[in-house]
Amino acid sequence: MGGFHHAKPAVAGGKRPVNDVAVAIAAVRAEGFKGRVLVLDLDAHPPDGTAACLAADPSWWIGSISGSDWGPLPDAV
């Protein structure tokens, strides 16, 4: 993960203007990939921006190995 996971569709987050993971997923979706997407977050903060960006995507899962308990992410599937 490039560290831009706090940026949401219309809002910069974590001093980052664009969510790099969401852009990459949108690119492979545009090329026809319809499979499930797994995002493994290695940061100590919740990937709230990534969850918001993927809210309309039909098939994704976000996991983390940080050990932090953030509760449910908004818009999480």
N, C-alpha and C. Protein backbone atom coordinates (compact mmCIF):
# COMPACT_ATOMS: atom_id res chain seq x y z
N MET A 1 0.85 -1.17 0.00
CA MET A 1 0.00 0.00 0.00
C MET A 1 0.90 1.23 0.00
N GLY A 2 0.53 2.19 -0.81
CA GLY A 2 1.35 3.38 -0.96
C GLY A 2 1.17 4.41 0.13
N GLY A 3 0.23 4.24 1.02
CA GLY A 3 0.05 5.19 2.10
C GLY A 3 -1.04 6.21 1.87
N PHE A 4 -1.75 6.09 0.77
CA PHE A 4 -2.79 7.08 0.44
C PHE A 4 -4.17 6.58 0.81
N HIS A 5 -4.24 5.59 1.71
CA HIS A 5 -5.50 4.91 1.99
C HIS A 5 -6.51 5.70 2.80
N HIS A 6 -6.21 6.93 3.17
CA HIS A 6 -7.19 7.74 3.89
C HIS A 6 -7.98 8.64 2.94
N ALA A 7 -7.50 8.83 1.72
CA ALA A 7 -8.23 9.67 0.76
C ALA A 7 -9.51 8.98 0.34
N LYS A 8 -10.60 9.74 0.32
CA LYS A 8 -11.92 9.23 -0.04
C LYS A 8 -12.30 9.75 -1.43
N PRO A 9 -13.43 9.31 -1.98
CA PRO A 9 -13.77 9.71 -3.35
C PRO A 9 -13.76 11.22 -3.61
N ALA A 10 -14.25 12.02 -2.70
CA ALA A 10 -14.30 13.46 -2.94
C ALA A 10 -13.53 14.27 -1.91
N VAL A 11 -12.73 13.58 -1.07
CA VAL A 11 -12.05 14.26 0.03
C VAL A 11 -10.63 13.72 0.19
N ALA A 12 -9.66 14.61 0.22
CA ALA A 12 -8.29 14.19 0.52
C ALA A 12 -8.25 13.73 1.97
N GLY A 13 -7.32 12.86 2.28
CA GLY A 13 -7.21 12.39 3.66
C GLY A 13 -5.78 12.00 3.97
N GLY A 14 -5.37 12.20 5.21
CA GLY A 14 -4.01 11.86 5.61
C GLY A 14 -2.97 12.61 4.79
N LYS A 15 -3.29 13.83 4.41
CA LYS A 15 -2.41 14.69 3.59
C LYS A 15 -2.17 14.10 2.21
N ARG A 16 -3.10 13.25 1.76
CA ARG A 16 -2.97 12.63 0.44
C ARG A 16 -4.20 12.97 -0.40
N PRO A 17 -4.00 13.43 -1.63
CA PRO A 17 -5.15 13.83 -2.45
C PRO A 17 -5.85 12.68 -3.17
N VAL A 18 -5.16 11.56 -3.39
CA VAL A 18 -5.71 10.47 -4.19
C VAL A 18 -5.46 9.14 -3.48
N ASN A 19 -6.44 8.26 -3.53
CA ASN A 19 -6.29 6.93 -2.94
C ASN A 19 -5.66 6.03 -3.99
N ASP A 20 -4.38 5.72 -3.84
CA ASP A 20 -3.64 4.94 -4.84
C ASP A 20 -4.19 3.53 -5.02
N VAL A 21 -4.63 2.90 -3.95
CA VAL A 21 -5.16 1.55 -4.04
C VAL A 21 -6.48 1.56 -4.83
N ALA A 22 -7.34 2.51 -4.54
CA ALA A 22 -8.62 2.61 -5.25
C ALA A 22 -8.40 2.90 -6.73
N VAL A 23 -7.43 3.74 -7.05
CA VAL A 23 -7.12 4.03 -8.46
C VAL A 23 -6.64 2.76 -9.17
N ALA A 24 -5.77 1.99 -8.52
CA ALA A 24 -5.27 0.75 -9.12
C ALA A 24 -6.40 -0.25 -9.35
N ILE A 25 -7.30 -0.37 -8.38
CA ILE A 25 -8.43 -1.29 -8.53
C ILE A 25 -9.35 -0.81 -9.65
N ALA A 26 -9.61 0.48 -9.72
CA ALA A 26 -10.45 1.01 -10.81
C ALA A 26 -9.82 0.74 -12.17
N ALA A 27 -8.50 0.81 -12.24
CA ALA A 27 -7.81 0.56 -13.52
C ALA A 27 -7.98 -0.89 -13.97
N VAL A 28 -7.81 -1.84 -13.05
CA VAL A 28 -7.97 -3.24 -13.46
C VAL A 28 -9.44 -3.58 -13.72
N ARG A 29 -10.35 -2.93 -13.02
CA ARG A 29 -11.78 -3.10 -13.30
C ARG A 29 -12.10 -2.58 -14.70
N ALA A 30 -11.53 -1.43 -15.06
CA ALA A 30 -11.76 -0.85 -16.39
C ALA A 30 -11.22 -1.75 -17.49
N GLU A 31 -10.20 -2.55 -17.17
CA GLU A 31 -9.64 -3.48 -18.15
C GLU A 31 -10.39 -4.80 -18.19
N GLY A 32 -11.44 -4.93 -17.38
CA GLY A 32 -12.29 -6.11 -17.44
C GLY A 32 -12.18 -7.08 -16.30
N PHE A 33 -11.30 -6.85 -15.34
CA PHE A 33 -11.19 -7.77 -14.20
C PHE A 33 -12.44 -7.68 -13.35
N LYS A 34 -13.11 -8.81 -13.13
CA LYS A 34 -14.34 -8.84 -12.36
C LYS A 34 -14.21 -9.67 -11.08
N GLY A 35 -13.02 -10.18 -10.81
CA GLY A 35 -12.81 -11.03 -9.64
C GLY A 35 -12.83 -10.27 -8.33
N ARG A 36 -12.72 -11.03 -7.26
CA ARG A 36 -12.70 -10.46 -5.92
C ARG A 36 -11.38 -9.73 -5.68
N VAL A 37 -11.43 -8.62 -4.99
CA VAL A 37 -10.25 -7.82 -4.67
C VAL A 37 -9.98 -7.92 -3.18
N LEU A 38 -8.75 -8.21 -2.82
CA LEU A 38 -8.34 -8.28 -1.43
C LEU A 38 -7.32 -7.17 -1.19
N VAL A 39 -7.56 -6.36 -0.17
CA VAL A 39 -6.62 -5.31 0.21
C VAL A 39 -6.09 -5.67 1.59
N LEU A 40 -4.79 -5.82 1.72
CA LEU A 40 -4.18 -6.09 3.02
C LEU A 40 -3.49 -4.82 3.48
N ASP A 41 -4.03 -4.20 4.49
CA ASP A 41 -3.52 -2.93 5.00
C ASP A 41 -2.48 -3.20 6.07
N LEU A 42 -1.32 -2.59 5.93
CA LEU A 42 -0.21 -2.81 6.86
C LEU A 42 0.03 -1.61 7.78
N ASP A 43 -0.83 -0.64 7.73
CA ASP A 43 -0.70 0.58 8.50
C ASP A 43 -1.39 0.44 9.85
N ALA A 44 -1.06 1.30 10.79
CA ALA A 44 -1.67 1.25 12.12
C ALA A 44 -3.00 2.01 12.19
N HIS A 45 -3.42 2.59 11.09
CA HIS A 45 -4.67 3.36 11.05
C HIS A 45 -5.69 2.63 10.18
N PRO A 46 -6.97 2.86 10.42
CA PRO A 46 -7.98 2.19 9.60
C PRO A 46 -7.94 2.67 8.15
N PRO A 47 -8.14 1.76 7.20
CA PRO A 47 -8.17 2.13 5.78
C PRO A 47 -9.54 2.68 5.39
N ASP A 48 -9.99 3.71 6.10
CA ASP A 48 -11.33 4.26 5.91
C ASP A 48 -11.56 4.81 4.50
N GLY A 49 -10.54 5.44 3.94
CA GLY A 49 -10.68 5.98 2.59
C GLY A 49 -10.83 4.88 1.56
N THR A 50 -10.06 3.82 1.69
CA THR A 50 -10.17 2.70 0.75
C THR A 50 -11.54 2.07 0.86
N ALA A 51 -12.04 1.87 2.07
CA ALA A 51 -13.38 1.30 2.25
C ALA A 51 -14.44 2.19 1.59
N ALA A 52 -14.31 3.50 1.74
CA ALA A 52 -15.28 4.41 1.13
C ALA A 52 -15.18 4.38 -0.40
N CYS A 53 -13.96 4.31 -0.92
CA CYS A 53 -13.78 4.28 -2.37
C CYS A 53 -14.33 2.99 -2.98
N LEU A 54 -14.27 1.91 -2.25
CA LEU A 54 -14.71 0.61 -2.78
C LEU A 54 -16.17 0.30 -2.44
N ALA A 55 -16.86 1.20 -1.79
CA ALA A 55 -18.22 0.93 -1.33
C ALA A 55 -19.14 0.46 -2.46
N ALA A 56 -18.98 0.97 -3.66
CA ALA A 56 -19.85 0.59 -4.78
C ALA A 56 -19.33 -0.62 -5.54
N ASP A 57 -18.14 -1.07 -5.23
CA ASP A 57 -17.56 -2.23 -5.91
C ASP A 57 -18.25 -3.49 -5.39
N PRO A 58 -18.61 -4.41 -6.26
CA PRO A 58 -19.38 -5.57 -5.83
C PRO A 58 -18.59 -6.64 -5.06
N SER A 59 -17.28 -6.63 -5.12
CA SER A 59 -16.55 -7.77 -4.55
C SER A 59 -15.18 -7.37 -4.02
N TRP A 60 -15.12 -7.06 -2.74
CA TRP A 60 -13.83 -6.71 -2.15
C TRP A 60 -13.81 -7.10 -0.68
N TRP A 61 -12.60 -7.15 -0.13
CA TRP A 61 -12.38 -7.43 1.29
C TRP A 61 -11.14 -6.69 1.72
N ILE A 62 -11.18 -6.06 2.88
CA ILE A 62 -10.01 -5.38 3.44
C ILE A 62 -9.63 -6.08 4.74
N GLY A 63 -8.35 -6.42 4.86
CA GLY A 63 -7.84 -7.01 6.07
C GLY A 63 -6.65 -6.21 6.57
N SER A 64 -6.25 -6.47 7.79
CA SER A 64 -5.14 -5.75 8.38
C SER A 64 -4.36 -6.66 9.31
N ILE A 65 -3.07 -6.45 9.38
CA ILE A 65 -2.25 -7.20 10.33
C ILE A 65 -1.73 -6.29 11.44
N SER A 66 -2.28 -5.10 11.57
CA SER A 66 -1.79 -4.15 12.57
C SER A 66 -2.13 -4.57 13.99
N GLY A 67 -3.17 -5.36 14.15
CA GLY A 67 -3.59 -5.75 15.49
C GLY A 67 -4.51 -4.74 16.15
N SER A 68 -4.76 -3.63 15.50
CA SER A 68 -5.66 -2.61 16.05
C SER A 68 -7.11 -3.02 15.84
N ASP A 69 -7.97 -2.68 16.77
CA ASP A 69 -9.40 -2.93 16.61
C ASP A 69 -10.08 -1.60 16.39
N TRP A 70 -10.52 -1.38 15.16
CA TRP A 70 -11.15 -0.11 14.80
C TRP A 70 -12.66 -0.20 14.84
N GLY A 71 -13.18 -1.39 15.06
CA GLY A 71 -14.62 -1.58 14.90
C GLY A 71 -14.93 -1.69 13.42
N PRO A 72 -16.19 -1.73 13.06
CA PRO A 72 -16.53 -1.87 11.64
C PRO A 72 -16.16 -0.61 10.85
N LEU A 73 -15.64 -0.82 9.65
CA LEU A 73 -15.34 0.31 8.78
C LEU A 73 -16.63 0.79 8.13
N PRO A 74 -16.78 2.10 7.96
CA PRO A 74 -17.97 2.57 7.25
C PRO A 74 -17.96 2.06 5.82
N ASP A 75 -19.12 1.68 5.33
CA ASP A 75 -19.30 1.20 3.97
C ASP A 75 -18.61 -0.12 3.70
N ALA A 76 -18.15 -0.82 4.72
CA ALA A 76 -17.44 -2.07 4.49
C ALA A 76 -18.41 -3.18 4.13
N VAL A 77 -17.97 -4.05 3.24
CA VAL A 77 -18.79 -5.19 2.80
C VAL A 77 -18.45 -6.37 3.68
